[in-house]
Amino acid sequence: MKERLRASLLFLYRILDLSALSFALWISFKYGGPIGMDYVMLAVYAPTFDSVLFFGGVFASWIFMLSSFWLYRSKRLASLSDELTDVFRAVVFATLILATLILLAEWSIFPKRFLVIFAFVSFVLLFSIRLLKRTLLQQFRLHGRNLRSVVVIGAGPRGRKLVDLIDEHPEIGYQFLGFIDDLKGPGVIGKLSDIPKILAQNVIDEVIICLPIKSYYEQIQSITAAAEEQGITVRIYSDLFNLNLSRAVAGEIGQAPILSIYASRLTDWQAFVKSSIDFAGGLVLLVVLSPVMLVIALMIKLTSPGPVFFVQERVGLNKRRFNMFKFRTMVADAPARQAELEKLNEADGPVFKIKNDPRVTKLGVWLRKTSLDELPQLFNILLGDLSLVGPRPLPERDFQRFDKHWFNRRFSVKPGITCIWQISGRSETSFDKWIIQDLEYIEKWSLALDLKILFKTVPTVLRGTGAM
């Protein structure tokens, strides 16, 4: 639910930004040029190659620009001046885009005041949007919404001072879970040696390190690595920022300097493109395949008693749970009968799979072979729980049986309907190889890789090579 809401708000945020820039462009045309709105109306009702190239180039460049200046990275710890700087840089770039396209087109109809008006209006609007967003989010956090679960590593004076600052600034939205330190004291939930286990077994969004960097340099590096495996953001409270760390951004809690190290390797632009493809692709597939889904639903109702859909809690991004939808392929009481079949499990590792599961209906065998039982997961994509491509979400039972902490790195990205293992043997792939392929996907992610997996999934499904 949290991830779905965040994705929806982020999409709305981008739309507002594009609308603000479009409005600034409209104002510039209306008051900044000798021909005013005539050019815009002409471009709309009688478009030419030049006008299509101009407006197409402007909007394509803006979409890229808005995601390339860290405008959508978490600003939880950023100061208002930091946001002001980000907006200024974005507006300068957006104005340069306009100026460049005007020069390339060799148009003389745009006087200098056109660009001045655009820069001023777009800056005011973009910053106003951020100011409004900042105010609303702070109010949400004060009322217990938009919170981040945090553990503090280091229960010394520095760590306890930081927790006091967190308590003094509830608008930041941190939910303190406890300290991790070899020191004993109130609020300590484990030792430094327990860090991998604590991070793997709990829903933790962020880790804040409050250890002296000079004496704990190697320890901090191992903590950072352990958090990255779990997809957890690392923040360092220190006045000595001498670590050579990638994906790091400076911020503050009160007056305390904080260094944030993000686990995700996706840039804002890449994340936006991926989420846009997910939503658009999921919507198109749902519309196109809705007649097929309707027929399948009717067949399930006619061939076996019970509901059409099988809804199961799965472990998603950052180990948060969500309800995943599938067409029911088993008898209605299948979950209750699983315990008696555990001894027949044929899969290695923590997963449960029986080749000839007696609970599967005749129709269910065909649905599984063709993977048509997975189609309702398109709803999960629109809800923001799933991506088209990503590690498959595991049931709670399988997750609880993970015996290697590094497996949890797969929860650092949004799960998907298909991934590498499904196009390379699928159900015949061993569990360890399956997890390794998921981790390879996370490390090597690119838009091209996602498209390659999607294209290869189609013939794999048509051949019925194993089951998803």
Foldseek 3Di string as FASTA:
>chain_A
DQLLVLLVVLVVLLVQLLVQLVVLLLVLQQPFWPVRCPVVVCCVPPNDPLSCCLVVQLSVVLLVLCQPLCQPPDCLFADLVVNLVSLLVSLVVSLVSNVVSCVVVVDPGGDPVSSVSSSVSSSVSNSVSVVVVLVVLLVQQVVPPPAFEEEEEDPDPQRVVVVVLCVVRSSSRYDYQAYEDPDDDPRHDYHLVCLLVVLLPDLHAEYEYEDDCVVCVVSVVVNVVSCLLQQHKYKYFDPDPPDPAPQWDWGDRPPTIIIIHGSAPDGSSQVVVQLVCQQVVLVVCCVVCVVVLVVQLVVVVVQADDHQWDWAWFQWASRDIDIAIFGDFFHHCVVVCVVVCQVVAPAPALDGDDPPDVRGDPVSVVCQLLVVRRSSRSVVSNSSQAGQEAAATHGPSRSVRDDDSSLSSSNSDGHHPWYDCLLVQNVVDHPVVSSVRRVVCSVPPDPVRVVVRVVSNVVSSVVSRGGD
